[in-house]
N, C-alpha and C. Protein backbone atom coordinates (compact mmCIF):
# COMPACT_ATOMS: atom_id res chain seq x y z
N MET A 1 -15.36 2.44 -9.26
CA MET A 1 -14.58 2.86 -8.10
C MET A 1 -13.11 2.60 -8.41
N LYS A 2 -12.28 3.60 -8.12
CA LYS A 2 -10.86 3.47 -8.34
C LYS A 2 -10.27 2.45 -7.35
N LEU A 3 -9.18 1.82 -7.77
CA LEU A 3 -8.55 0.78 -6.96
C LEU A 3 -8.17 1.30 -5.57
N LYS A 4 -7.61 2.52 -5.50
CA LYS A 4 -7.19 3.03 -4.17
C LYS A 4 -8.38 3.14 -3.23
N TYR A 5 -9.54 3.54 -3.74
CA TYR A 5 -10.72 3.65 -2.89
C TYR A 5 -11.26 2.27 -2.52
N LYS A 6 -11.15 1.32 -3.44
CA LYS A 6 -11.56 -0.05 -3.10
C LYS A 6 -10.72 -0.57 -1.95
N ILE A 7 -9.44 -0.27 -1.97
CA ILE A 7 -8.54 -0.71 -0.89
C ILE A 7 -8.93 -0.03 0.42
N TYR A 8 -9.13 1.30 0.39
CA TYR A 8 -9.51 2.03 1.59
C TYR A 8 -10.81 1.50 2.19
N PHE A 9 -11.81 1.32 1.35
CA PHE A 9 -13.11 0.87 1.85
C PHE A 9 -13.05 -0.59 2.28
N SER A 10 -12.20 -1.39 1.64
CA SER A 10 -12.02 -2.77 2.09
C SER A 10 -11.42 -2.80 3.49
N ILE A 11 -10.46 -1.92 3.74
CA ILE A 11 -9.86 -1.82 5.07
C ILE A 11 -10.92 -1.38 6.08
N ALA A 12 -11.73 -0.39 5.70
CA ALA A 12 -12.79 0.09 6.59
C ALA A 12 -13.79 -1.02 6.91
N ILE A 13 -14.15 -1.80 5.91
CA ILE A 13 -15.08 -2.92 6.13
C ILE A 13 -14.42 -3.97 7.02
N LEU A 14 -13.14 -4.24 6.80
CA LEU A 14 -12.42 -5.19 7.63
C LEU A 14 -12.37 -4.72 9.09
N LEU A 15 -12.16 -3.43 9.30
CA LEU A 15 -12.17 -2.89 10.67
C LEU A 15 -13.55 -3.02 11.30
N THR A 16 -14.60 -2.81 10.50
CA THR A 16 -15.97 -2.95 11.00
C THR A 16 -16.24 -4.40 11.40
N VAL A 17 -15.85 -5.32 10.55
CA VAL A 17 -16.02 -6.75 10.87
C VAL A 17 -15.23 -7.10 12.12
N THR A 18 -14.04 -6.54 12.25
CA THR A 18 -13.22 -6.79 13.44
C THR A 18 -13.94 -6.31 14.71
N SER A 19 -14.57 -5.14 14.64
CA SER A 19 -15.32 -4.64 15.80
C SER A 19 -16.46 -5.58 16.16
N TRP A 20 -17.16 -6.07 15.15
CA TRP A 20 -18.24 -7.03 15.42
C TRP A 20 -17.69 -8.31 16.03
N LEU A 21 -16.57 -8.80 15.51
CA LEU A 21 -15.96 -10.02 16.06
C LEU A 21 -15.51 -9.82 17.50
N ILE A 22 -14.97 -8.65 17.80
CA ILE A 22 -14.57 -8.34 19.18
C ILE A 22 -15.80 -8.38 20.09
N ALA A 23 -16.86 -7.70 19.67
CA ALA A 23 -18.09 -7.67 20.49
C ALA A 23 -18.66 -9.07 20.66
N LEU A 24 -18.67 -9.86 19.60
CA LEU A 24 -19.18 -11.24 19.70
C LEU A 24 -18.30 -12.11 20.58
N TYR A 25 -16.99 -11.94 20.47
CA TYR A 25 -16.05 -12.72 21.27
C TYR A 25 -16.26 -12.44 22.77
N PHE A 26 -16.42 -11.18 23.12
CA PHE A 26 -16.55 -10.81 24.52
C PHE A 26 -17.96 -11.01 25.08
N TRP A 27 -18.97 -11.16 24.23
CA TRP A 27 -20.36 -11.19 24.69
C TRP A 27 -20.58 -12.19 25.82
N ASP A 28 -20.14 -13.43 25.64
CA ASP A 28 -20.35 -14.45 26.66
C ASP A 28 -19.47 -14.26 27.90
N LYS A 29 -18.39 -13.52 27.73
CA LYS A 29 -17.46 -13.31 28.83
C LYS A 29 -17.80 -12.09 29.68
N LEU A 30 -18.64 -11.20 29.16
CA LEU A 30 -18.96 -9.97 29.88
C LEU A 30 -19.72 -10.24 31.17
N PRO A 31 -19.39 -9.47 32.21
CA PRO A 31 -20.16 -9.60 33.46
C PRO A 31 -21.54 -8.96 33.28
N SER A 32 -22.36 -9.07 34.29
CA SER A 32 -23.73 -8.55 34.19
C SER A 32 -23.77 -7.01 34.19
N ILE A 33 -22.72 -6.37 34.70
CA ILE A 33 -22.60 -4.92 34.68
C ILE A 33 -21.37 -4.58 33.83
N ILE A 34 -21.55 -3.69 32.84
CA ILE A 34 -20.45 -3.35 31.94
C ILE A 34 -20.25 -1.83 31.88
N PRO A 35 -19.01 -1.38 31.57
CA PRO A 35 -18.78 0.06 31.44
C PRO A 35 -19.42 0.59 30.16
N VAL A 36 -20.02 1.77 30.25
CA VAL A 36 -20.66 2.36 29.08
C VAL A 36 -20.13 3.76 28.78
N HIS A 37 -19.31 4.29 29.68
CA HIS A 37 -18.71 5.61 29.45
C HIS A 37 -17.36 5.66 30.14
N PHE A 38 -16.43 6.39 29.52
CA PHE A 38 -15.09 6.52 30.05
C PHE A 38 -14.77 7.99 30.22
N GLY A 39 -14.18 8.33 31.34
CA GLY A 39 -13.81 9.72 31.62
C GLY A 39 -12.52 10.11 30.93
N ILE A 40 -12.09 11.32 31.19
CA ILE A 40 -10.88 11.86 30.56
C ILE A 40 -9.65 11.06 30.97
N SER A 41 -9.70 10.40 32.11
CA SER A 41 -8.57 9.59 32.56
C SER A 41 -8.49 8.26 31.83
N GLY A 42 -9.54 7.93 31.09
CA GLY A 42 -9.57 6.66 30.37
C GLY A 42 -10.21 5.53 31.16
N GLN A 43 -10.57 5.81 32.41
CA GLN A 43 -11.20 4.80 33.25
C GLN A 43 -12.72 4.91 33.13
N ALA A 44 -13.38 3.76 33.25
CA ALA A 44 -14.84 3.74 33.19
C ALA A 44 -15.41 4.57 34.33
N ASP A 45 -16.40 5.42 34.00
CA ASP A 45 -17.03 6.23 35.04
C ASP A 45 -18.55 6.10 35.02
N SER A 46 -19.06 5.22 34.16
CA SER A 46 -20.49 4.96 34.13
C SER A 46 -20.69 3.51 33.74
N TRP A 47 -21.59 2.85 34.42
CA TRP A 47 -21.81 1.42 34.22
C TRP A 47 -23.30 1.17 33.97
N ALA A 48 -23.60 0.06 33.28
CA ALA A 48 -24.99 -0.30 33.03
C ALA A 48 -25.10 -1.82 32.96
N ASP A 49 -26.34 -2.30 33.04
CA ASP A 49 -26.55 -3.74 32.88
C ASP A 49 -26.14 -4.17 31.48
N LYS A 50 -25.57 -5.36 31.41
CA LYS A 50 -25.18 -5.93 30.13
C LYS A 50 -26.42 -6.05 29.24
N SER A 51 -26.33 -5.50 28.05
CA SER A 51 -27.42 -5.62 27.09
C SER A 51 -26.84 -5.63 25.69
N PHE A 52 -27.61 -6.14 24.77
CA PHE A 52 -27.19 -6.16 23.37
C PHE A 52 -26.86 -4.74 22.91
N TRP A 53 -27.70 -3.78 23.31
CA TRP A 53 -27.53 -2.39 22.90
C TRP A 53 -26.16 -1.85 23.29
N TYR A 54 -25.78 -1.99 24.55
CA TYR A 54 -24.50 -1.45 25.00
C TYR A 54 -23.32 -2.25 24.46
N ALA A 55 -23.44 -3.54 24.38
CA ALA A 55 -22.32 -4.37 23.92
C ALA A 55 -22.04 -4.21 22.43
N PHE A 56 -23.08 -3.90 21.66
CA PHE A 56 -22.91 -3.84 20.20
C PHE A 56 -23.13 -2.44 19.62
N LEU A 57 -23.24 -1.44 20.47
CA LEU A 57 -23.48 -0.08 19.99
C LEU A 57 -22.34 0.42 19.10
N LEU A 58 -21.11 0.26 19.53
CA LEU A 58 -19.99 0.75 18.73
C LEU A 58 -19.89 0.06 17.38
N PRO A 59 -20.00 -1.27 17.31
CA PRO A 59 -19.99 -1.89 15.98
C PRO A 59 -21.17 -1.45 15.10
N MET A 60 -22.34 -1.23 15.73
CA MET A 60 -23.49 -0.77 14.94
C MET A 60 -23.23 0.63 14.36
N LEU A 61 -22.70 1.53 15.19
CA LEU A 61 -22.38 2.87 14.70
C LEU A 61 -21.30 2.83 13.62
N GLN A 62 -20.32 1.99 13.84
CA GLN A 62 -19.24 1.86 12.86
C GLN A 62 -19.78 1.32 11.54
N THR A 63 -20.68 0.37 11.59
CA THR A 63 -21.30 -0.17 10.38
C THR A 63 -22.07 0.92 9.65
N PHE A 64 -22.86 1.69 10.40
CA PHE A 64 -23.62 2.78 9.80
C PHE A 64 -22.69 3.79 9.13
N MET A 65 -21.63 4.19 9.83
CA MET A 65 -20.72 5.19 9.27
C MET A 65 -19.99 4.67 8.04
N THR A 66 -19.57 3.42 8.06
CA THR A 66 -18.90 2.84 6.90
C THR A 66 -19.85 2.83 5.71
N GLY A 67 -21.08 2.42 5.93
CA GLY A 67 -22.08 2.43 4.86
C GLY A 67 -22.34 3.85 4.35
N LEU A 68 -22.41 4.81 5.27
CA LEU A 68 -22.63 6.20 4.88
C LEU A 68 -21.48 6.72 4.03
N PHE A 69 -20.26 6.42 4.42
CA PHE A 69 -19.10 6.88 3.66
C PHE A 69 -19.04 6.22 2.28
N ILE A 70 -19.43 4.98 2.18
CA ILE A 70 -19.47 4.32 0.86
C ILE A 70 -20.55 4.98 0.00
N PHE A 71 -21.71 5.28 0.60
CA PHE A 71 -22.75 6.00 -0.14
C PHE A 71 -22.22 7.35 -0.61
N LEU A 72 -21.54 8.08 0.26
CA LEU A 72 -21.02 9.40 -0.10
C LEU A 72 -19.92 9.33 -1.15
N TYR A 73 -19.27 8.18 -1.26
CA TYR A 73 -18.30 8.02 -2.34
C TYR A 73 -19.02 8.18 -3.68
N TYR A 74 -20.17 7.55 -3.80
CA TYR A 74 -20.92 7.60 -5.05
C TYR A 74 -21.70 8.90 -5.22
N LYS A 75 -22.00 9.57 -4.13
CA LYS A 75 -22.76 10.83 -4.16
C LYS A 75 -22.02 11.91 -3.36
N PRO A 76 -20.81 12.31 -3.78
CA PRO A 76 -20.05 13.28 -2.98
C PRO A 76 -20.72 14.65 -2.88
N GLN A 77 -21.65 14.93 -3.78
CA GLN A 77 -22.34 16.22 -3.70
C GLN A 77 -23.17 16.34 -2.43
N TYR A 78 -23.51 15.22 -1.78
CA TYR A 78 -24.28 15.25 -0.55
C TYR A 78 -23.42 15.54 0.68
N THR A 79 -22.12 15.62 0.51
CA THR A 79 -21.26 15.95 1.64
C THR A 79 -21.38 17.41 2.02
N ASN A 80 -21.87 18.23 1.09
CA ASN A 80 -22.01 19.67 1.29
C ASN A 80 -20.67 20.29 1.62
N MET A 81 -19.63 19.75 1.01
CA MET A 81 -18.29 20.24 1.27
C MET A 81 -17.47 20.10 0.01
N PRO A 82 -17.17 21.09 -0.76
CA PRO A 82 -17.66 22.45 -0.61
C PRO A 82 -19.14 22.51 -0.91
N SER A 83 -19.73 23.64 -0.63
CA SER A 83 -21.17 23.73 -0.74
C SER A 83 -21.64 23.39 -2.15
N THR A 84 -22.83 22.85 -2.24
CA THR A 84 -23.39 22.46 -3.52
C THR A 84 -23.47 23.66 -4.46
N MET A 85 -23.81 24.81 -3.92
CA MET A 85 -23.88 26.00 -4.75
C MET A 85 -22.52 26.34 -5.35
N TRP A 86 -21.51 26.17 -4.54
CA TRP A 86 -20.14 26.42 -5.00
C TRP A 86 -19.81 25.47 -6.14
N LEU A 87 -20.14 24.21 -5.97
CA LEU A 87 -19.82 23.22 -7.00
C LEU A 87 -20.58 23.46 -8.30
N THR A 88 -21.78 24.03 -8.23
CA THR A 88 -22.54 24.28 -9.45
C THR A 88 -21.88 25.35 -10.31
N MET A 89 -21.02 26.16 -9.73
CA MET A 89 -20.34 27.20 -10.49
C MET A 89 -19.12 26.66 -11.22
N LEU A 90 -18.70 25.45 -10.91
CA LEU A 90 -17.51 24.88 -11.52
C LEU A 90 -17.85 24.18 -12.82
N ASP A 91 -16.89 24.20 -13.73
CA ASP A 91 -17.08 23.40 -14.94
C ASP A 91 -16.88 21.94 -14.58
N LYS A 92 -17.23 21.05 -15.49
CA LYS A 92 -17.20 19.60 -15.21
C LYS A 92 -15.82 19.13 -14.76
N LYS A 93 -14.78 19.61 -15.40
CA LYS A 93 -13.42 19.18 -15.07
C LYS A 93 -13.08 19.53 -13.61
N HIS A 94 -13.37 20.76 -13.21
CA HIS A 94 -13.06 21.19 -11.85
C HIS A 94 -13.99 20.55 -10.82
N ARG A 95 -15.24 20.34 -11.20
CA ARG A 95 -16.19 19.68 -10.30
C ARG A 95 -15.74 18.24 -10.05
N ASP A 96 -15.32 17.54 -11.11
CA ASP A 96 -14.83 16.17 -10.95
C ASP A 96 -13.59 16.13 -10.08
N ARG A 97 -12.72 17.14 -10.22
CA ARG A 97 -11.53 17.22 -9.39
C ARG A 97 -11.93 17.43 -7.92
N ALA A 98 -12.90 18.31 -7.69
CA ALA A 98 -13.37 18.55 -6.32
C ALA A 98 -13.96 17.26 -5.74
N PHE A 99 -14.75 16.54 -6.53
CA PHE A 99 -15.32 15.28 -6.05
C PHE A 99 -14.23 14.27 -5.72
N ASP A 100 -13.18 14.22 -6.53
CA ASP A 100 -12.09 13.29 -6.26
C ASP A 100 -11.38 13.66 -4.95
N LEU A 101 -11.19 14.95 -4.71
CA LEU A 101 -10.58 15.39 -3.46
C LEU A 101 -11.47 15.04 -2.27
N ILE A 102 -12.78 15.24 -2.42
CA ILE A 102 -13.71 14.90 -1.35
C ILE A 102 -13.66 13.40 -1.08
N ARG A 103 -13.60 12.60 -2.13
CA ARG A 103 -13.51 11.15 -1.95
C ARG A 103 -12.23 10.75 -1.22
N SER A 104 -11.13 11.41 -1.54
CA SER A 104 -9.86 11.10 -0.86
C SER A 104 -9.96 11.43 0.63
N MET A 105 -10.58 12.58 0.93
CA MET A 105 -10.75 12.96 2.33
C MET A 105 -11.61 11.92 3.06
N MET A 106 -12.71 11.52 2.44
CA MET A 106 -13.62 10.58 3.09
C MET A 106 -12.97 9.21 3.28
N ALA A 107 -12.20 8.77 2.30
CA ALA A 107 -11.56 7.45 2.39
C ALA A 107 -10.59 7.40 3.57
N GLY A 108 -9.79 8.44 3.73
CA GLY A 108 -8.88 8.48 4.87
C GLY A 108 -9.61 8.64 6.18
N THR A 109 -10.67 9.42 6.17
CA THR A 109 -11.45 9.66 7.38
C THR A 109 -12.07 8.36 7.89
N ILE A 110 -12.63 7.56 7.00
CA ILE A 110 -13.29 6.33 7.46
C ILE A 110 -12.26 5.32 7.99
N ILE A 111 -11.04 5.37 7.50
CA ILE A 111 -9.98 4.49 8.05
C ILE A 111 -9.65 4.93 9.47
N ILE A 112 -9.45 6.23 9.67
CA ILE A 112 -9.12 6.75 11.01
C ILE A 112 -10.26 6.46 11.98
N VAL A 113 -11.49 6.75 11.56
CA VAL A 113 -12.66 6.51 12.42
C VAL A 113 -12.81 5.01 12.69
N GLY A 114 -12.56 4.19 11.68
CA GLY A 114 -12.64 2.74 11.86
C GLY A 114 -11.63 2.24 12.88
N LEU A 115 -10.41 2.74 12.80
CA LEU A 115 -9.39 2.36 13.79
C LEU A 115 -9.80 2.82 15.19
N LEU A 116 -10.32 4.03 15.29
CA LEU A 116 -10.76 4.56 16.58
C LEU A 116 -11.88 3.70 17.17
N PHE A 117 -12.88 3.38 16.38
CA PHE A 117 -14.01 2.59 16.89
C PHE A 117 -13.59 1.16 17.22
N THR A 118 -12.70 0.59 16.44
CA THR A 118 -12.22 -0.76 16.74
C THR A 118 -11.46 -0.77 18.06
N TYR A 119 -10.62 0.25 18.26
CA TYR A 119 -9.90 0.38 19.52
C TYR A 119 -10.88 0.56 20.69
N MET A 120 -11.87 1.42 20.52
CA MET A 120 -12.84 1.65 21.60
C MET A 120 -13.65 0.40 21.89
N SER A 121 -14.01 -0.34 20.85
CA SER A 121 -14.76 -1.58 21.05
C SER A 121 -13.94 -2.58 21.86
N TYR A 122 -12.68 -2.72 21.51
CA TYR A 122 -11.82 -3.63 22.27
C TYR A 122 -11.62 -3.12 23.70
N GLY A 123 -11.32 -1.84 23.83
CA GLY A 123 -11.05 -1.27 25.15
C GLY A 123 -12.25 -1.36 26.08
N MET A 124 -13.43 -1.08 25.54
CA MET A 124 -14.65 -1.14 26.36
C MET A 124 -14.88 -2.57 26.86
N ASN A 125 -14.79 -3.53 25.97
CA ASN A 125 -15.03 -4.92 26.36
C ASN A 125 -13.94 -5.44 27.28
N ASN A 126 -12.69 -5.11 27.00
CA ASN A 126 -11.59 -5.57 27.84
C ASN A 126 -11.67 -4.96 29.23
N SER A 127 -12.07 -3.71 29.33
CA SER A 127 -12.17 -3.08 30.65
C SER A 127 -13.33 -3.65 31.46
N ALA A 128 -14.33 -4.22 30.81
CA ALA A 128 -15.42 -4.86 31.54
C ALA A 128 -14.91 -6.09 32.29
N LEU A 129 -13.90 -6.74 31.72
CA LEU A 129 -13.33 -7.93 32.36
C LEU A 129 -12.24 -7.58 33.35
N ASN A 130 -11.54 -6.50 33.11
CA ASN A 130 -10.44 -6.10 33.96
C ASN A 130 -10.59 -4.61 34.24
N THR A 131 -11.18 -4.26 35.37
CA THR A 131 -11.51 -2.86 35.66
C THR A 131 -10.28 -1.97 35.80
N ALA A 132 -9.10 -2.55 35.94
CA ALA A 132 -7.88 -1.74 36.02
C ALA A 132 -7.50 -1.21 34.64
N VAL A 133 -8.05 -1.81 33.61
CA VAL A 133 -7.73 -1.41 32.24
C VAL A 133 -8.85 -0.51 31.73
N GLY A 134 -8.49 0.48 30.98
CA GLY A 134 -9.49 1.37 30.37
C GLY A 134 -9.02 1.77 28.98
N LEU A 135 -9.57 2.85 28.50
CA LEU A 135 -9.11 3.40 27.24
C LEU A 135 -7.94 4.34 27.54
N LEU A 136 -6.85 4.15 26.85
CA LEU A 136 -5.68 4.99 27.10
C LEU A 136 -5.93 6.40 26.57
N PRO A 137 -5.87 7.40 27.44
CA PRO A 137 -6.16 8.77 26.99
C PRO A 137 -5.25 9.24 25.86
N TRP A 138 -3.97 8.89 25.91
CA TRP A 138 -3.06 9.36 24.88
C TRP A 138 -3.41 8.74 23.53
N VAL A 139 -3.95 7.53 23.52
CA VAL A 139 -4.37 6.91 22.25
C VAL A 139 -5.59 7.65 21.70
N MET A 140 -6.55 7.92 22.56
CA MET A 140 -7.76 8.63 22.13
C MET A 140 -7.41 10.03 21.62
N ILE A 141 -6.57 10.74 22.35
CA ILE A 141 -6.18 12.10 21.94
C ILE A 141 -5.41 12.05 20.62
N THR A 142 -4.54 11.07 20.47
CA THR A 142 -3.78 10.94 19.22
C THR A 142 -4.72 10.70 18.05
N PHE A 143 -5.69 9.81 18.23
CA PHE A 143 -6.67 9.57 17.16
C PHE A 143 -7.41 10.85 16.79
N LEU A 144 -7.84 11.60 17.80
CA LEU A 144 -8.59 12.82 17.53
C LEU A 144 -7.72 13.88 16.86
N ILE A 145 -6.48 14.01 17.27
CA ILE A 145 -5.57 14.96 16.62
C ILE A 145 -5.36 14.58 15.16
N ILE A 146 -5.13 13.29 14.92
CA ILE A 146 -4.93 12.83 13.55
C ILE A 146 -6.20 13.08 12.72
N LEU A 147 -7.35 12.75 13.29
CA LEU A 147 -8.61 12.93 12.57
C LEU A 147 -8.86 14.40 12.22
N PHE A 148 -8.75 15.29 13.19
CA PHE A 148 -9.01 16.71 12.93
C PHE A 148 -7.95 17.32 12.01
N SER A 149 -6.71 16.88 12.13
CA SER A 149 -5.66 17.36 11.22
C SER A 149 -5.95 16.91 9.79
N TRP A 150 -6.34 15.66 9.65
CA TRP A 150 -6.67 15.11 8.33
C TRP A 150 -7.81 15.89 7.68
N ILE A 151 -8.89 16.07 8.41
CA ILE A 151 -10.05 16.77 7.87
C ILE A 151 -9.70 18.23 7.57
N GLY A 152 -8.97 18.88 8.47
CA GLY A 152 -8.57 20.27 8.25
C GLY A 152 -7.71 20.42 7.01
N TYR A 153 -6.76 19.52 6.84
CA TYR A 153 -5.89 19.54 5.66
C TYR A 153 -6.72 19.46 4.38
N TRP A 154 -7.66 18.51 4.34
CA TRP A 154 -8.46 18.32 3.13
C TRP A 154 -9.43 19.46 2.90
N TYR A 155 -10.01 20.01 3.96
CA TYR A 155 -10.90 21.17 3.79
C TYR A 155 -10.15 22.31 3.11
N VAL A 156 -8.96 22.62 3.62
CA VAL A 156 -8.16 23.70 3.04
C VAL A 156 -7.81 23.37 1.59
N LYS A 157 -7.38 22.17 1.34
CA LYS A 157 -6.98 21.76 -0.01
C LYS A 157 -8.17 21.85 -0.99
N ILE A 158 -9.32 21.36 -0.57
CA ILE A 158 -10.49 21.37 -1.45
C ILE A 158 -10.93 22.80 -1.73
N TYR A 159 -11.03 23.62 -0.70
CA TYR A 159 -11.47 24.99 -0.90
C TYR A 159 -10.45 25.80 -1.69
N LYS A 160 -9.17 25.52 -1.47
CA LYS A 160 -8.14 26.22 -2.22
C LYS A 160 -8.25 25.91 -3.71
N GLU A 161 -8.36 24.64 -4.03
CA GLU A 161 -8.44 24.25 -5.44
C GLU A 161 -9.75 24.66 -6.10
N THR A 162 -10.86 24.47 -5.42
CA THR A 162 -12.14 24.84 -6.02
C THR A 162 -12.36 26.34 -5.94
N GLY A 163 -11.80 26.98 -4.94
CA GLY A 163 -11.94 28.43 -4.82
C GLY A 163 -11.27 29.15 -5.97
N LEU A 164 -10.11 28.68 -6.38
CA LEU A 164 -9.43 29.26 -7.54
C LEU A 164 -10.27 29.08 -8.79
N SER A 165 -10.90 27.95 -8.92
CA SER A 165 -11.74 27.69 -10.09
C SER A 165 -12.94 28.62 -10.11
N VAL A 166 -13.53 28.88 -8.96
CA VAL A 166 -14.68 29.78 -8.89
C VAL A 166 -14.24 31.20 -9.23
N LYS A 167 -13.06 31.62 -8.74
CA LYS A 167 -12.55 32.95 -9.08
C LYS A 167 -12.35 33.07 -10.59
N ASP A 168 -11.78 32.03 -11.21
CA ASP A 168 -11.61 32.03 -12.67
C ASP A 168 -12.96 32.12 -13.35
N PHE A 169 -13.94 31.39 -12.84
CA PHE A 169 -15.29 31.41 -13.40
C PHE A 169 -15.88 32.82 -13.32
N ASN A 170 -15.72 33.47 -12.16
CA ASN A 170 -16.27 34.82 -11.98
C ASN A 170 -15.60 35.82 -12.91
N LYS A 171 -14.30 35.68 -13.14
CA LYS A 171 -13.59 36.57 -14.06
C LYS A 171 -14.13 36.42 -15.48
N LYS A 172 -14.39 35.17 -15.89
CA LYS A 172 -14.93 34.92 -17.23
C LYS A 172 -16.31 35.53 -17.37
N GLU A 173 -17.10 35.46 -16.31
CA GLU A 173 -18.47 35.98 -16.34
C GLU A 173 -18.48 37.51 -16.49
N LYS A 174 -17.49 38.17 -15.90
CA LYS A 174 -17.42 39.63 -15.95
C LYS A 174 -17.00 40.13 -17.32
N LYS A 175 -16.27 39.31 -18.06
CA LYS A 175 -15.76 39.73 -19.39
C LYS A 175 -16.82 39.75 -20.42
């Protein structure tokens, strides 16, 4: 694993641990009824009895996603982006370049998602103690804009670079 990816995944793991620590810190402080859903205004609009499932759902999902992204680092062909068929048409040099681009996209994505989940974990637990506080809509929207912009940028970049390689491959095949 390249150093830059080790740093990215270390940050993602640190964010995951932070979410677990937040959930553990608030566990004893949570009331018997906790918020489980937030509306567009950022205020809780659905409540449920305090349970391990609701209190630790976000850290569990974040742990799963971090593990999945680390797995996909080693097996980028399973991302299906670009399609596996497309990648089979590339020579080794271009395929390795495509995999490196996919890894860069995934590394940034897991950082953004990690920050989002850590914020939601804190916001959910904090709003259980102080009902006037919720998830700030502008923060959530900003995270989503950044996430979709990031993924869109990398999709275009990956397809542009690998698409040119496939066109070159097709030209060679016709000759």
